[in-house]
N, C-alpha and C. Protein backbone atom coordinates (compact mmCIF):
# COMPACT_ATOMS: atom_id res chain seq x y z
N MET A 1 88.30 100.31 111.73
CA MET A 1 89.74 100.48 111.54
C MET A 1 90.05 101.97 111.42
N LYS A 2 90.96 102.43 112.26
CA LYS A 2 91.45 103.80 112.16
C LYS A 2 92.81 103.76 111.48
N VAL A 3 93.06 104.72 110.62
CA VAL A 3 94.32 104.80 109.90
C VAL A 3 94.82 106.24 109.97
N SER A 4 96.07 106.40 110.31
CA SER A 4 96.69 107.72 110.22
C SER A 4 98.05 107.57 109.56
N VAL A 5 98.45 108.62 108.87
CA VAL A 5 99.71 108.59 108.14
C VAL A 5 100.49 109.85 108.51
N ASP A 6 101.77 109.68 108.79
CA ASP A 6 102.64 110.83 108.99
C ASP A 6 103.99 110.54 108.35
N GLN A 7 104.87 111.51 108.43
CA GLN A 7 106.19 111.38 107.81
C GLN A 7 107.25 111.68 108.87
N PRO A 8 107.76 110.61 109.54
CA PRO A 8 108.73 110.83 110.62
C PRO A 8 110.10 111.31 110.13
N LYS A 9 110.36 111.12 108.84
CA LYS A 9 111.65 111.54 108.27
C LYS A 9 111.47 111.59 106.75
N ALA A 10 112.34 112.29 106.07
CA ALA A 10 112.24 112.41 104.61
C ALA A 10 112.23 111.02 103.97
N ASN A 11 111.38 110.85 102.98
CA ASN A 11 111.25 109.58 102.23
C ASN A 11 110.73 108.42 103.06
N VAL A 12 110.10 108.71 104.20
CA VAL A 12 109.52 107.65 105.03
C VAL A 12 108.09 108.04 105.40
N GLN A 13 107.15 107.17 105.09
CA GLN A 13 105.76 107.33 105.49
C GLN A 13 105.50 106.32 106.61
N ARG A 14 104.86 106.78 107.69
CA ARG A 14 104.46 105.85 108.75
C ARG A 14 102.95 105.73 108.71
N VAL A 15 102.48 104.50 108.56
CA VAL A 15 101.05 104.20 108.56
C VAL A 15 100.72 103.56 109.89
N VAL A 16 99.87 104.21 110.68
CA VAL A 16 99.47 103.69 111.99
C VAL A 16 98.07 103.09 111.84
N LEU A 17 97.97 101.79 112.09
CA LEU A 17 96.69 101.09 111.99
C LEU A 17 96.17 100.80 113.40
N GLU A 18 94.86 100.95 113.56
CA GLU A 18 94.25 100.68 114.87
C GLU A 18 92.94 99.95 114.65
N GLY A 19 92.92 98.67 115.02
CA GLY A 19 91.74 97.84 114.85
C GLY A 19 92.11 96.51 114.20
N ARG A 20 91.10 95.71 113.95
CA ARG A 20 91.32 94.40 113.35
C ARG A 20 91.59 94.53 111.85
N LEU A 21 92.62 93.84 111.38
CA LEU A 21 92.93 93.83 109.96
C LEU A 21 92.28 92.61 109.33
N ASP A 22 90.95 92.57 109.46
CA ASP A 22 90.14 91.52 108.85
C ASP A 22 89.59 92.08 107.54
N VAL A 23 88.55 91.47 106.98
CA VAL A 23 88.02 91.93 105.69
C VAL A 23 87.58 93.39 105.77
N ALA A 24 86.75 93.71 106.75
CA ALA A 24 86.24 95.09 106.87
C ALA A 24 87.37 96.06 107.19
N GLY A 25 88.26 95.69 108.09
CA GLY A 25 89.37 96.56 108.46
C GLY A 25 90.32 96.81 107.31
N THR A 26 90.60 95.77 106.54
CA THR A 26 91.49 95.91 105.39
C THR A 26 90.86 96.81 104.34
N GLN A 27 89.57 96.63 104.08
CA GLN A 27 88.88 97.49 103.11
C GLN A 27 88.92 98.94 103.56
N ALA A 28 88.79 99.19 104.84
CA ALA A 28 88.84 100.55 105.36
C ALA A 28 90.25 101.14 105.29
N ALA A 29 91.26 100.31 105.50
CA ALA A 29 92.64 100.78 105.56
C ALA A 29 93.30 100.92 104.19
N GLU A 30 92.86 100.13 103.22
CA GLU A 30 93.55 100.06 101.94
C GLU A 30 93.74 101.39 101.22
N PRO A 31 92.74 102.27 101.14
CA PRO A 31 92.97 103.51 100.39
C PRO A 31 94.14 104.34 100.95
N GLN A 32 94.16 104.55 102.27
CA GLN A 32 95.25 105.34 102.85
C GLN A 32 96.57 104.57 102.83
N PHE A 33 96.51 103.27 103.05
CA PHE A 33 97.72 102.45 103.00
C PHE A 33 98.33 102.50 101.61
N ASN A 34 97.51 102.29 100.58
CA ASN A 34 98.01 102.30 99.21
C ASN A 34 98.54 103.68 98.81
N ALA A 35 97.90 104.74 99.29
CA ALA A 35 98.38 106.09 99.01
C ALA A 35 99.76 106.32 99.65
N ALA A 36 99.95 105.83 100.86
CA ALA A 36 101.25 105.97 101.53
C ALA A 36 102.32 105.18 100.79
N VAL A 37 101.98 103.99 100.33
CA VAL A 37 102.93 103.17 99.57
C VAL A 37 103.29 103.88 98.27
N ALA A 38 102.30 104.46 97.60
CA ALA A 38 102.55 105.17 96.34
C ALA A 38 103.40 106.42 96.56
N ALA A 39 103.21 107.09 97.70
CA ALA A 39 103.88 108.36 97.96
C ALA A 39 105.27 108.20 98.57
N GLY A 40 105.49 107.13 99.29
CA GLY A 40 106.73 107.00 100.04
C GLY A 40 107.72 106.06 99.41
N ALA A 41 108.99 106.41 99.55
CA ALA A 41 110.04 105.50 99.12
C ALA A 41 110.15 104.34 100.10
N ASN A 42 109.79 104.64 101.37
CA ASN A 42 109.85 103.65 102.43
C ASN A 42 108.62 103.82 103.32
N VAL A 43 108.13 102.70 103.85
CA VAL A 43 106.92 102.74 104.68
C VAL A 43 107.13 101.92 105.95
N ILE A 44 106.79 102.54 107.08
CA ILE A 44 106.76 101.84 108.37
C ILE A 44 105.29 101.64 108.70
N VAL A 45 104.90 100.40 108.93
CA VAL A 45 103.52 100.09 109.29
C VAL A 45 103.48 99.78 110.78
N ASP A 46 102.83 100.67 111.54
CA ASP A 46 102.73 100.51 113.00
C ASP A 46 101.52 99.64 113.30
N LEU A 47 101.80 98.43 113.79
CA LEU A 47 100.75 97.44 114.09
C LEU A 47 100.49 97.32 115.59
N GLY A 48 100.94 98.28 116.37
CA GLY A 48 100.83 98.22 117.82
C GLY A 48 99.41 98.10 118.35
N LYS A 49 98.44 98.57 117.58
CA LYS A 49 97.04 98.51 118.02
C LYS A 49 96.20 97.64 117.08
N VAL A 50 96.85 96.63 116.49
CA VAL A 50 96.16 95.67 115.62
C VAL A 50 96.18 94.32 116.31
N PRO A 51 95.04 93.91 116.88
CA PRO A 51 95.01 92.65 117.63
C PRO A 51 94.88 91.40 116.76
N PHE A 52 94.52 91.58 115.48
CA PHE A 52 94.28 90.42 114.62
C PHE A 52 94.56 90.79 113.17
N ILE A 53 95.19 89.87 112.43
CA ILE A 53 95.45 90.06 111.00
C ILE A 53 94.94 88.82 110.27
N SER A 54 94.01 89.01 109.34
CA SER A 54 93.50 87.89 108.54
C SER A 54 94.32 87.76 107.26
N SER A 55 93.98 86.78 106.46
CA SER A 55 94.72 86.55 105.21
C SER A 55 94.60 87.74 104.26
N ILE A 56 93.47 88.42 104.27
CA ILE A 56 93.31 89.59 103.39
C ILE A 56 94.20 90.73 103.87
N GLY A 57 94.41 90.86 105.17
CA GLY A 57 95.33 91.86 105.71
C GLY A 57 96.77 91.52 105.35
N ILE A 58 97.11 90.24 105.41
CA ILE A 58 98.45 89.79 105.01
C ILE A 58 98.67 90.12 103.53
N ARG A 59 97.64 89.88 102.71
CA ARG A 59 97.74 90.17 101.27
C ARG A 59 98.02 91.65 101.04
N MET A 60 97.34 92.53 101.78
CA MET A 60 97.56 93.96 101.62
C MET A 60 99.01 94.32 101.95
N LEU A 61 99.54 93.76 103.04
CA LEU A 61 100.92 94.04 103.43
C LEU A 61 101.92 93.52 102.40
N ILE A 62 101.69 92.31 101.89
CA ILE A 62 102.58 91.75 100.87
C ILE A 62 102.55 92.59 99.61
N ALA A 63 101.36 92.97 99.15
CA ALA A 63 101.23 93.78 97.94
C ALA A 63 101.96 95.11 98.10
N GLY A 64 101.83 95.71 99.28
CA GLY A 64 102.53 96.97 99.55
C GLY A 64 104.04 96.80 99.53
N ALA A 65 104.53 95.74 100.16
CA ALA A 65 105.97 95.48 100.19
C ALA A 65 106.51 95.23 98.79
N GLN A 66 105.76 94.47 97.98
CA GLN A 66 106.19 94.20 96.61
C GLN A 66 106.21 95.47 95.77
N SER A 67 105.20 96.30 95.94
CA SER A 67 105.13 97.56 95.19
C SER A 67 106.32 98.46 95.54
N LEU A 68 106.64 98.55 96.83
CA LEU A 68 107.79 99.36 97.24
C LEU A 68 109.09 98.78 96.71
N ALA A 69 109.24 97.45 96.74
CA ALA A 69 110.47 96.81 96.27
C ALA A 69 110.72 97.10 94.80
N LYS A 70 109.63 97.19 94.01
CA LYS A 70 109.78 97.48 92.58
C LYS A 70 110.39 98.85 92.33
N LYS A 71 110.23 99.76 93.28
CA LYS A 71 110.83 101.09 93.12
C LYS A 71 111.95 101.32 94.13
N SER A 72 112.58 100.22 94.55
CA SER A 72 113.72 100.22 95.47
C SER A 72 113.39 100.79 96.84
N GLY A 73 112.14 100.68 97.25
CA GLY A 73 111.73 101.10 98.58
C GLY A 73 111.65 99.92 99.52
N LYS A 74 111.43 100.22 100.78
CA LYS A 74 111.35 99.17 101.80
C LYS A 74 110.12 99.38 102.67
N MET A 75 109.64 98.28 103.22
CA MET A 75 108.57 98.31 104.21
C MET A 75 109.08 97.63 105.47
N VAL A 76 108.70 98.18 106.61
CA VAL A 76 109.03 97.61 107.90
C VAL A 76 107.75 97.56 108.72
N LEU A 77 107.54 96.47 109.43
CA LEU A 77 106.39 96.34 110.34
C LEU A 77 106.89 96.63 111.74
N MET A 78 106.10 97.40 112.49
CA MET A 78 106.55 97.83 113.81
C MET A 78 105.52 97.49 114.89
N ASN A 79 105.99 97.03 116.01
CA ASN A 79 105.20 96.82 117.23
C ASN A 79 104.02 95.85 117.14
N PRO A 80 104.09 94.78 116.38
CA PRO A 80 102.92 93.89 116.41
C PRO A 80 102.76 93.26 117.79
N ASP A 81 101.50 93.07 118.21
CA ASP A 81 101.30 92.40 119.50
C ASP A 81 101.60 90.92 119.34
N GLU A 82 101.49 90.18 120.41
CA GLU A 82 101.91 88.77 120.41
C GLU A 82 101.18 87.93 119.36
N LEU A 83 99.84 88.06 119.29
CA LEU A 83 99.08 87.27 118.31
C LEU A 83 99.41 87.69 116.89
N ALA A 84 99.47 89.00 116.63
CA ALA A 84 99.79 89.49 115.29
C ALA A 84 101.19 89.03 114.88
N ARG A 85 102.15 89.09 115.80
CA ARG A 85 103.52 88.65 115.49
C ARG A 85 103.53 87.16 115.14
N LYS A 86 102.75 86.36 115.88
CA LYS A 86 102.68 84.92 115.60
C LYS A 86 102.10 84.68 114.21
N ILE A 87 101.06 85.43 113.85
CA ILE A 87 100.45 85.30 112.52
C ILE A 87 101.46 85.68 111.44
N LEU A 88 102.18 86.77 111.64
CA LEU A 88 103.17 87.22 110.67
C LEU A 88 104.27 86.18 110.47
N LYS A 89 104.71 85.57 111.57
CA LYS A 89 105.77 84.56 111.47
C LYS A 89 105.25 83.25 110.86
N THR A 90 104.03 82.87 111.21
CA THR A 90 103.44 81.64 110.68
C THR A 90 103.28 81.72 109.17
N THR A 91 102.89 82.89 108.69
CA THR A 91 102.70 83.07 107.24
C THR A 91 104.00 83.30 106.50
N GLY A 92 105.08 83.54 107.23
CA GLY A 92 106.38 83.79 106.60
C GLY A 92 106.58 85.23 106.16
N LEU A 93 105.64 86.11 106.50
CA LEU A 93 105.77 87.51 106.10
C LEU A 93 107.01 88.15 106.72
N ASP A 94 107.42 87.66 107.88
CA ASP A 94 108.61 88.21 108.52
C ASP A 94 109.87 87.94 107.70
N GLN A 95 109.81 87.00 106.75
CA GLN A 95 110.94 86.74 105.86
C GLN A 95 111.02 87.77 104.73
N LEU A 96 109.88 88.38 104.40
CA LEU A 96 109.80 89.37 103.32
C LEU A 96 109.93 90.79 103.87
N VAL A 97 109.34 91.02 105.05
CA VAL A 97 109.28 92.36 105.64
C VAL A 97 109.83 92.28 107.07
N PRO A 98 110.86 93.08 107.39
CA PRO A 98 111.39 93.04 108.75
C PRO A 98 110.35 93.49 109.78
N ILE A 99 110.43 92.91 110.96
CA ILE A 99 109.57 93.29 112.08
C ILE A 99 110.45 93.95 113.13
N CYS A 100 110.07 95.15 113.55
CA CYS A 100 110.84 95.92 114.52
C CYS A 100 110.00 96.20 115.76
N ASN A 101 110.70 96.48 116.86
CA ASN A 101 110.02 96.74 118.12
C ASN A 101 109.94 98.21 118.49
N SER A 102 110.66 99.08 117.77
CA SER A 102 110.67 100.50 118.11
C SER A 102 110.79 101.35 116.85
N MET A 103 110.46 102.62 116.99
CA MET A 103 110.58 103.54 115.87
C MET A 103 112.05 103.71 115.47
N ASP A 104 112.94 103.79 116.44
CA ASP A 104 114.37 103.93 116.13
C ASP A 104 114.86 102.75 115.30
N GLU A 105 114.47 101.55 115.71
CA GLU A 105 114.86 100.33 114.98
C GLU A 105 114.26 100.33 113.58
N ALA A 106 112.99 100.72 113.46
CA ALA A 106 112.32 100.76 112.17
C ALA A 106 112.99 101.78 111.24
N LEU A 107 113.29 102.96 111.76
CA LEU A 107 113.94 103.98 110.93
C LEU A 107 115.32 103.53 110.47
N ALA A 108 116.00 102.76 111.30
CA ALA A 108 117.33 102.26 110.93
C ALA A 108 117.24 101.22 109.80
N LYS A 109 116.11 100.52 109.71
CA LYS A 109 115.95 99.46 108.69
C LYS A 109 115.44 99.98 107.35
N VAL A 110 114.87 101.19 107.33
CA VAL A 110 114.41 101.75 106.06
C VAL A 110 115.47 102.67 105.56
């Protein structure tokens, strides 16, 4: 799992994930993901290069969204591929965290 973090705009952290968000991938991503959640008022998670999300990956995303909500922040998921989007919708995560198709749309939602 590759993770990179940048700041596309003030008070927004973008976390770009690349690889499977399974047990190993989640363990690799969590330190940087959690740091971005702690540092940012709002977080955009770019899932464009994540072909699979397991239950532990879903848990990480939910925990991050809940942590941000406690401090009036927001999380947005961006660019999930077809399988990842299906997983997100099946688990109901799309009801808690908006899913966007572009950076402009994501920035508008945070």
